[in-house]
Amino acid sequence: MGRTGKRSESDMELMKMLDHYQSGGVDIFFQDHLSTPLEVVTMMTMHEDEVFMPDYVMDKQDKLIQIRFDQVF
């Protein structure tokens, strides 16, 4: 988020995608904490010098059940 308080287009796209998954029952985690799409985008913006990679967790029937954003070192 820039100084004007507006989110970038890529931030908005990520939030929209995560909203879609969350509304479909997928849990979203950021650094091991259950999070909302807004929290994920806000934290990634606050830590823009760090790299976070999504890990898509599937159940035994190959259904997506979690998206986990963890810092890559």
N, C-alpha and C. Protein backbone atom coordinates (compact mmCIF):
# COMPACT_ATOMS: atom_id res chain seq x y z
N MET A 1 0.86 -1.16 0.00
CA MET A 1 0.00 0.00 0.00
C MET A 1 0.90 1.22 0.00
N GLY A 2 0.65 2.14 -0.88
CA GLY A 2 1.47 3.34 -0.99
C GLY A 2 1.11 4.37 0.06
N ARG A 3 1.76 5.50 -0.03
CA ARG A 3 1.53 6.58 0.94
C ARG A 3 0.13 7.14 0.85
N THR A 4 -0.51 7.01 -0.30
CA THR A 4 -1.87 7.54 -0.45
C THR A 4 -2.91 6.63 0.19
N GLY A 5 -2.50 5.44 0.62
CA GLY A 5 -3.43 4.52 1.24
C GLY A 5 -4.13 3.61 0.25
N LYS A 6 -3.80 3.74 -1.03
CA LYS A 6 -4.43 2.90 -2.05
C LYS A 6 -3.60 1.65 -2.26
N ARG A 7 -4.28 0.56 -2.50
CA ARG A 7 -3.59 -0.71 -2.77
C ARG A 7 -3.28 -0.80 -4.25
N SER A 8 -2.17 -1.49 -4.55
CA SER A 8 -1.79 -1.68 -5.95
C SER A 8 -2.76 -2.66 -6.62
N GLU A 9 -2.71 -2.67 -7.93
CA GLU A 9 -3.57 -3.58 -8.69
C GLU A 9 -3.25 -5.04 -8.35
N SER A 10 -1.96 -5.36 -8.19
CA SER A 10 -1.59 -6.74 -7.87
C SER A 10 -2.07 -7.12 -6.46
N ASP A 11 -2.05 -6.16 -5.52
CA ASP A 11 -2.58 -6.43 -4.19
C ASP A 11 -4.07 -6.74 -4.26
N MET A 12 -4.78 -5.97 -5.05
CA MET A 12 -6.22 -6.16 -5.19
C MET A 12 -6.54 -7.50 -5.86
N GLU A 13 -5.73 -7.90 -6.84
CA GLU A 13 -5.92 -9.19 -7.50
C GLU A 13 -5.69 -10.34 -6.53
N LEU A 14 -4.63 -10.22 -5.71
CA LEU A 14 -4.35 -11.26 -4.72
C LEU A 14 -5.49 -11.35 -3.71
N MET A 15 -5.96 -10.20 -3.23
CA MET A 15 -7.04 -10.21 -2.26
C MET A 15 -8.31 -10.82 -2.85
N LYS A 16 -8.60 -10.50 -4.10
CA LYS A 16 -9.78 -11.06 -4.76
C LYS A 16 -9.66 -12.59 -4.89
N MET A 17 -8.47 -13.06 -5.28
CA MET A 17 -8.24 -14.49 -5.42
C MET A 17 -8.40 -15.20 -4.07
N LEU A 18 -7.79 -14.62 -3.02
CA LEU A 18 -7.87 -15.22 -1.69
C LEU A 18 -9.30 -15.18 -1.16
N ASP A 19 -10.02 -14.10 -1.43
CA ASP A 19 -11.44 -14.03 -1.04
C ASP A 19 -12.23 -15.17 -1.68
N HIS A 20 -11.94 -15.43 -2.95
CA HIS A 20 -12.63 -16.51 -3.67
C HIS A 20 -12.36 -17.86 -2.99
N TYR A 21 -11.10 -18.14 -2.70
CA TYR A 21 -10.76 -19.40 -2.05
C TYR A 21 -11.37 -19.49 -0.66
N GLN A 22 -11.27 -18.42 0.11
CA GLN A 22 -11.80 -18.44 1.48
C GLN A 22 -13.31 -18.64 1.48
N SER A 23 -14.02 -18.01 0.55
CA SER A 23 -15.47 -18.19 0.49
C SER A 23 -15.84 -19.61 0.09
N GLY A 24 -14.90 -20.33 -0.52
CA GLY A 24 -15.12 -21.72 -0.87
C GLY A 24 -14.69 -22.69 0.22
N GLY A 25 -14.33 -22.16 1.39
CA GLY A 25 -13.99 -23.02 2.52
C GLY A 25 -12.52 -23.30 2.73
N VAL A 26 -11.65 -22.63 1.97
CA VAL A 26 -10.21 -22.85 2.10
C VAL A 26 -9.67 -21.94 3.21
N ASP A 27 -8.95 -22.52 4.16
CA ASP A 27 -8.32 -21.74 5.22
C ASP A 27 -7.04 -21.10 4.69
N ILE A 28 -6.80 -19.87 5.10
CA ILE A 28 -5.62 -19.13 4.64
C ILE A 28 -4.77 -18.79 5.86
N PHE A 29 -3.49 -19.15 5.78
CA PHE A 29 -2.56 -18.89 6.88
C PHE A 29 -1.43 -17.99 6.40
N PHE A 30 -1.01 -17.10 7.29
CA PHE A 30 0.18 -16.29 7.04
C PHE A 30 1.10 -16.50 8.23
N GLN A 31 2.27 -17.09 7.96
CA GLN A 31 3.24 -17.39 9.01
C GLN A 31 2.58 -18.17 10.15
N ASP A 32 1.86 -19.21 9.83
CA ASP A 32 1.23 -20.13 10.78
C ASP A 32 0.04 -19.55 11.55
N HIS A 33 -0.46 -18.38 11.13
CA HIS A 33 -1.64 -17.79 11.79
C HIS A 33 -2.80 -17.76 10.80
N LEU A 34 -3.94 -18.31 11.21
CA LEU A 34 -5.14 -18.24 10.39
C LEU A 34 -5.42 -16.76 10.11
N SER A 35 -5.58 -16.41 8.84
CA SER A 35 -5.66 -15.00 8.44
C SER A 35 -6.77 -14.78 7.42
N THR A 36 -7.16 -13.53 7.31
CA THR A 36 -8.10 -13.11 6.28
C THR A 36 -7.30 -12.67 5.05
N PRO A 37 -7.93 -12.61 3.89
CA PRO A 37 -7.23 -12.09 2.72
C PRO A 37 -6.66 -10.69 2.95
N LEU A 38 -7.40 -9.82 3.63
CA LEU A 38 -6.92 -8.48 3.92
C LEU A 38 -5.67 -8.52 4.80
N GLU A 39 -5.66 -9.39 5.80
CA GLU A 39 -4.49 -9.51 6.67
C GLU A 39 -3.27 -9.98 5.89
N VAL A 40 -3.46 -10.95 4.99
CA VAL A 40 -2.34 -11.46 4.19
C VAL A 40 -1.76 -10.34 3.34
N VAL A 41 -2.60 -9.63 2.61
CA VAL A 41 -2.12 -8.57 1.73
C VAL A 41 -1.47 -7.46 2.55
N THR A 42 -2.05 -7.11 3.68
CA THR A 42 -1.47 -6.06 4.53
C THR A 42 -0.10 -6.47 5.04
N MET A 43 0.03 -7.70 5.52
CA MET A 43 1.32 -8.17 6.03
C MET A 43 2.37 -8.26 4.93
N MET A 44 1.97 -8.71 3.75
CA MET A 44 2.92 -8.80 2.64
C MET A 44 3.37 -7.40 2.22
N THR A 45 2.47 -6.44 2.29
CA THR A 45 2.81 -5.06 1.95
C THR A 45 3.77 -4.47 3.00
N MET A 46 3.50 -4.76 4.27
CA MET A 46 4.35 -4.25 5.35
C MET A 46 5.75 -4.85 5.31
N HIS A 47 5.85 -6.05 4.78
CA HIS A 47 7.13 -6.77 4.71
C HIS A 47 7.55 -6.95 3.24
N GLU A 48 7.44 -5.88 2.47
CA GLU A 48 7.67 -5.98 1.03
C GLU A 48 9.10 -6.35 0.65
N ASP A 49 10.05 -6.21 1.58
CA ASP A 49 11.44 -6.60 1.29
C ASP A 49 11.68 -8.08 1.53
N GLU A 50 10.68 -8.78 2.05
CA GLU A 50 10.79 -10.20 2.32
C GLU A 50 9.98 -10.97 1.27
N VAL A 51 10.32 -12.23 1.09
CA VAL A 51 9.63 -13.06 0.10
C VAL A 51 8.78 -14.10 0.82
N PHE A 52 7.51 -14.18 0.42
CA PHE A 52 6.58 -15.15 0.98
C PHE A 52 6.05 -16.01 -0.16
N MET A 53 6.08 -17.32 0.05
CA MET A 53 5.64 -18.24 -0.99
C MET A 53 4.40 -18.98 -0.52
N PRO A 54 3.37 -19.04 -1.38
CA PRO A 54 2.18 -19.80 -1.00
C PRO A 54 2.42 -21.30 -1.16
N ASP A 55 1.93 -22.05 -0.20
CA ASP A 55 1.95 -23.50 -0.26
C ASP A 55 0.50 -23.95 -0.29
N TYR A 56 0.13 -24.69 -1.30
CA TYR A 56 -1.25 -25.14 -1.47
C TYR A 56 -1.38 -26.54 -0.89
N VAL A 57 -2.18 -26.67 0.18
CA VAL A 57 -2.32 -27.93 0.90
C VAL A 57 -3.60 -28.62 0.47
N MET A 58 -3.47 -29.87 0.05
CA MET A 58 -4.60 -30.65 -0.44
C MET A 58 -4.92 -31.76 0.56
N ASP A 59 -6.19 -32.21 0.56
CA ASP A 59 -6.56 -33.35 1.37
C ASP A 59 -6.34 -34.64 0.58
N LYS A 60 -6.76 -35.77 1.12
CA LYS A 60 -6.52 -37.06 0.47
C LYS A 60 -7.29 -37.22 -0.84
N GLN A 61 -8.34 -36.41 -1.03
CA GLN A 61 -9.11 -36.46 -2.28
C GLN A 61 -8.65 -35.37 -3.27
N ASP A 62 -7.48 -34.79 -3.00
CA ASP A 62 -6.91 -33.72 -3.83
C ASP A 62 -7.76 -32.46 -3.87
N LYS A 63 -8.49 -32.21 -2.80
CA LYS A 63 -9.25 -30.98 -2.67
C LYS A 63 -8.39 -29.96 -1.91
N LEU A 64 -8.33 -28.74 -2.41
CA LEU A 64 -7.57 -27.69 -1.75
C LEU A 64 -8.24 -27.36 -0.42
N ILE A 65 -7.46 -27.43 0.68
CA ILE A 65 -8.02 -27.14 2.00
C ILE A 65 -7.33 -25.97 2.70
N GLN A 66 -6.10 -25.65 2.29
CA GLN A 66 -5.37 -24.55 2.92
C GLN A 66 -4.44 -23.89 1.91
N ILE A 67 -4.23 -22.60 2.11
CA ILE A 67 -3.15 -21.88 1.44
C ILE A 67 -2.33 -21.28 2.57
N ARG A 68 -1.03 -21.61 2.59
CA ARG A 68 -0.15 -21.17 3.66
C ARG A 68 0.96 -20.31 3.08
N PHE A 69 1.04 -19.07 3.54
CA PHE A 69 2.09 -18.16 3.11
C PHE A 69 3.19 -18.17 4.16
N ASP A 70 4.36 -18.64 3.75
CA ASP A 70 5.52 -18.71 4.65
C ASP A 70 6.68 -17.96 4.04
N GLN A 71 7.49 -17.38 4.91
CA GLN A 71 8.65 -16.61 4.46
C GLN A 71 9.70 -17.55 3.87
N VAL A 72 10.27 -17.13 2.75
CA VAL A 72 11.34 -17.88 2.10
C VAL A 72 12.65 -17.19 2.47
N PHE A 73 13.58 -17.97 2.97
CA PHE A 73 14.87 -17.41 3.38
C PHE A 73 15.92 -17.59 2.34
